Amino acid sequence: MSNKISDKYLKIVEWSDEDSCYIGTSPGLLDGGVHGQNEAKVFKELCEVVEDTITIMKNSGKPLPKQTANKQFSGKIALRIPPDLHKAVAIQAIQEGESINKLIQHKLEAAI
């Protein structure tokens, strides 16, 4: 069991074709990130940066953002869209013989 607050924040290391290196980020906690050619080293450095960021925020009295690791999701999203778009989605759902919810779900899955 971990005692570090930093373990409660999501850390992502992924290859960037644009930058030709690995980029490490912590969404919701860091505006920037770390980068390098070795994935393991980038992750290690990212963990250190996240830990330092949390320490700095706590020492300066800034509230920490909500923790992101192991967050549970309900599967429900309240979405506000313009009425014209709502109508267009409803019409397309009818044409495809499915509910608005299923149509949006399929569109999101295809987009991600």
C-alpha atoms as a PDB file:
ATOM      1  CA  MET A   1       0.000   0.000   0.000  1.00  0.00           C
ATOM      2  CA  SER A   2       1.407   3.350  -1.031  1.00  0.00           C
ATOM      3  CA  ASN A   3       1.711   6.302   1.295  1.00  0.00           C
ATOM      4  CA  LYS A   4       2.543   8.829  -1.407  1.00  0.00           C
ATOM      5  CA  ILE A   5      -0.149  11.246  -2.504  1.00  0.00           C
ATOM      6  CA  SER A   6       1.467  11.321  -5.961  1.00  0.00           C
ATOM      7  CA  ASP A   7       0.385   7.707  -6.521  1.00  0.00           C
ATOM      8  CA  LYS A   8      -3.204   8.957  -6.603  1.00  0.00           C
ATOM      9  CA  TYR A   9      -2.598  10.977  -9.787  1.00  0.00           C
ATOM     10  CA  LEU A  10      -2.658   9.565 -13.298  1.00  0.00           C
ATOM     11  CA  LYS A  11       0.692   9.556 -15.081  1.00  0.00           C
ATOM     12  CA  ILE A  12       0.889   8.951 -18.825  1.00  0.00           C
ATOM     13  CA  VAL A  13       4.000   8.316 -20.912  1.00  0.00           C
ATOM     14  CA  GLU A  14       3.485   8.066 -24.645  1.00  0.00           C
ATOM     15  CA  TRP A  15       5.492   8.401 -27.828  1.00  0.00           C
ATOM     16  CA  SER A  16       5.117  11.664 -29.741  1.00  0.00           C
ATOM     17  CA  ASP A  17       5.776  11.465 -33.476  1.00  0.00           C
ATOM     18  CA  GLU A  18       5.731  15.265 -33.610  1.00  0.00           C
ATOM     19  CA  ASP A  19       8.490  15.588 -30.983  1.00  0.00           C
ATOM     20  CA  SER A  20      10.272  12.290 -31.782  1.00  0.00           C
ATOM     21  CA  CYS A  21      10.453  11.374 -28.113  1.00  0.00           C
ATOM     22  CA  TYR A  22       8.445  10.076 -25.164  1.00  0.00           C
ATOM     23  CA  ILE A  23       6.274  12.650 -23.414  1.00  0.00           C
ATOM     24  CA  GLY A  24       5.210  12.210 -19.790  1.00  0.00           C
ATOM     25  CA  THR A  25       2.199  14.107 -18.461  1.00  0.00           C
ATOM     26  CA  SER A  26      -0.097  14.102 -15.446  1.00  0.00           C
ATOM     27  CA  PRO A  27      -3.491  15.410 -16.632  1.00  0.00           C
ATOM     28  CA  GLY A  28      -5.177  17.723 -14.158  1.00  0.00           C
ATOM     29  CA  LEU A  29      -2.006  18.247 -12.137  1.00  0.00           C
ATOM     30  CA  LEU A  30       0.728  19.446 -14.519  1.00  0.00           C
ATOM     31  CA  ASP A  31       0.346  21.949 -17.327  1.00  0.00           C
ATOM     32  CA  GLY A  32       3.500  20.667 -18.972  1.00  0.00           C
ATOM     33  CA  GLY A  33       5.392  17.430 -18.748  1.00  0.00           C
ATOM     34  CA  VAL A  34       8.742  15.743 -19.204  1.00  0.00           C
ATOM     35  CA  HIS A  35      10.296  14.240 -22.292  1.00  0.00           C
ATOM     36  CA  GLY A  36      13.133  11.992 -23.400  1.00  0.00           C
ATOM     37  CA  GLN A  37      14.214   9.050 -25.526  1.00  0.00           C
ATOM     38  CA  ASN A  38      13.920   6.358 -22.841  1.00  0.00           C
ATOM     39  CA  GLU A  39      10.363   5.489 -21.777  1.00  0.00           C
ATOM     40  CA  ALA A  40      11.345   4.157 -18.336  1.00  0.00           C
ATOM     41  CA  LYS A  41      13.487   7.197 -17.564  1.00  0.00           C
ATOM     42  CA  VAL A  42      10.706   9.551 -18.643  1.00  0.00           C
ATOM     43  CA  PHE A  43       8.280   7.759 -16.324  1.00  0.00           C
ATOM     44  CA  LYS A  44      10.731   7.922 -13.409  1.00  0.00           C
ATOM     45  CA  GLU A  45      11.309  11.627 -13.988  1.00  0.00           C
ATOM     46  CA  LEU A  46       7.568  12.216 -14.344  1.00  0.00           C
ATOM     47  CA  CYS A  47       6.958  10.559 -10.970  1.00  0.00           C
ATOM     48  CA  GLU A  48       9.554  12.858  -9.397  1.00  0.00           C
ATOM     49  CA  VAL A  49       8.039  15.953 -11.025  1.00  0.00           C
ATOM     50  CA  VAL A  50       4.548  14.983  -9.849  1.00  0.00           C
ATOM     51  CA  GLU A  51       5.849  14.466  -6.302  1.00  0.00           C
ATOM     52  CA  ASP A  52       7.671  17.833  -6.390  1.00  0.00           C
ATOM     53  CA  THR A  53       4.594  19.597  -7.795  1.00  0.00           C
ATOM     54  CA  ILE A  54       2.415  18.245  -4.990  1.00  0.00           C
ATOM     55  CA  THR A  55       4.966  19.276  -2.365  1.00  0.00           C
ATOM     56  CA  ILE A  56       5.191  22.803  -3.809  1.00  0.00           C
ATOM     57  CA  MET A  57       1.406  23.150  -3.931  1.00  0.00           C
ATOM     58  CA  LYS A  58       0.991  21.918  -0.356  1.00  0.00           C
ATOM     59  CA  ASN A  59       3.775  24.187   0.942  1.00  0.00           C
ATOM     60  CA  SER A  60       2.283  27.222  -0.793  1.00  0.00           C
ATOM     61  CA  GLY A  61      -1.205  26.470   0.539  1.00  0.00           C
ATOM     62  CA  LYS A  62      -2.685  25.799  -2.895  1.00  0.00           C
ATOM     63  CA  PRO A  63      -5.414  23.156  -2.974  1.00  0.00           C
ATOM     64  CA  LEU A  64      -4.555  19.975  -4.799  1.00  0.00           C
ATOM     65  CA  PRO A  65      -6.737  19.027  -7.764  1.00  0.00           C
ATOM     66  CA  LYS A  66      -8.976  15.992  -7.429  1.00  0.00           C
ATOM     67  CA  GLN A  67      -7.109  12.717  -7.567  1.00  0.00           C
ATOM     68  CA  THR A  68      -7.313  10.972 -10.926  1.00  0.00           C
ATOM     69  CA  ALA A  69      -5.988   7.453 -10.372  1.00  0.00           C
ATOM     70  CA  ASN A  70      -8.553   4.695  -9.797  1.00  0.00           C
ATOM     71  CA  LYS A  71     -11.401   7.125 -10.292  1.00  0.00           C
ATOM     72  CA  GLN A  72     -14.715   5.362 -10.731  1.00  0.00           C
ATOM     73  CA  PHE A  73     -16.965   6.491 -13.569  1.00  0.00           C
ATOM     74  CA  SER A  74     -20.741   6.127 -13.561  1.00  0.00           C
ATOM     75  CA  GLY A  75     -21.050   5.773 -17.324  1.00  0.00           C
ATOM     76  CA  LYS A  76     -23.399   8.749 -17.469  1.00  0.00           C
ATOM     77  CA  ILE A  77     -22.625  12.104 -19.076  1.00  0.00           C
ATOM     78  CA  ALA A  78     -24.952  15.091 -18.979  1.00  0.00           C
ATOM     79  CA  LEU A  79     -24.416  16.799 -22.310  1.00  0.00           C
ATOM     80  CA  ARG A  80     -25.840  20.159 -23.334  1.00  0.00           C
ATOM     81  CA  ILE A  81     -26.027  20.775 -27.068  1.00  0.00           C
ATOM     82  CA  PRO A  82     -27.824  23.311 -29.250  1.00  0.00           C
ATOM     83  CA  PRO A  83     -31.434  22.362 -30.111  1.00  0.00           C
ATOM     84  CA  ASP A  84     -30.654  22.130 -33.844  1.00  0.00           C
ATOM     85  CA  LEU A  85     -27.879  19.629 -33.185  1.00  0.00           C
ATOM     86  CA  HIS A  86     -30.164  17.660 -30.865  1.00  0.00           C
ATOM     87  CA  LYS A  87     -32.737  17.471 -33.644  1.00  0.00           C
ATOM     88  CA  ALA A  88     -30.143  16.362 -36.211  1.00  0.00           C
ATOM     89  CA  VAL A  89     -28.843  13.643 -33.867  1.00  0.00           C
ATOM     90  CA  ALA A  90     -32.391  12.448 -33.153  1.00  0.00           C
ATOM     91  CA  ILE A  91     -33.173  12.247 -36.872  1.00  0.00           C
ATOM     92  CA  GLN A  92     -29.969  10.344 -37.603  1.00  0.00           C
ATOM     93  CA  ALA A  93     -30.693   7.934 -34.729  1.00  0.00           C
ATOM     94  CA  ILE A  94     -34.171   7.248 -36.130  1.00  0.00           C
ATOM     95  CA  GLN A  95     -32.726   6.712 -39.614  1.00  0.00           C
ATOM     96  CA  GLU A  96     -30.196   4.228 -38.250  1.00  0.00           C
ATOM     97  CA  GLY A  97     -32.784   2.480 -36.088  1.00  0.00           C
ATOM     98  CA  GLU A  98     -31.103   3.096 -32.772  1.00  0.00           C
ATOM     99  CA  SER A  99     -31.488   5.312 -29.718  1.00  0.00           C
ATOM    100  CA  ILE A 100     -29.815   8.698 -29.453  1.00  0.00           C
ATOM    101  CA  ASN A 101     -27.682   7.285 -26.641  1.00  0.00           C
ATOM    102  CA  LYS A 102     -26.425   4.373 -28.780  1.00  0.00           C
ATOM    103  CA  LEU A 103     -25.774   6.645 -31.759  1.00  0.00           C
ATOM    104  CA  ILE A 104     -23.675   9.018 -29.642  1.00  0.00           C
ATOM    105  CA  GLN A 105     -21.895   6.074 -28.022  1.00  0.00           C
ATOM    106  CA  HIS A 106     -20.953   4.641 -31.438  1.00  0.00           C
ATOM    107  CA  LYS A 107     -19.802   8.050 -32.684  1.00  0.00           C
ATOM    108  CA  LEU A 108     -17.610   8.542 -29.604  1.00  0.00           C
ATOM    109  CA  GLU A 109     -16.116   5.063 -29.910  1.00  0.00           C
ATOM    110  CA  ALA A 110     -15.270   5.729 -33.557  1.00  0.00           C
ATOM    111  CA  ALA A 111     -13.689   9.078 -32.683  1.00  0.00           C
ATOM    112  CA  ILE A 112     -11.466   7.777 -29.909  1.00  0.00           C
END
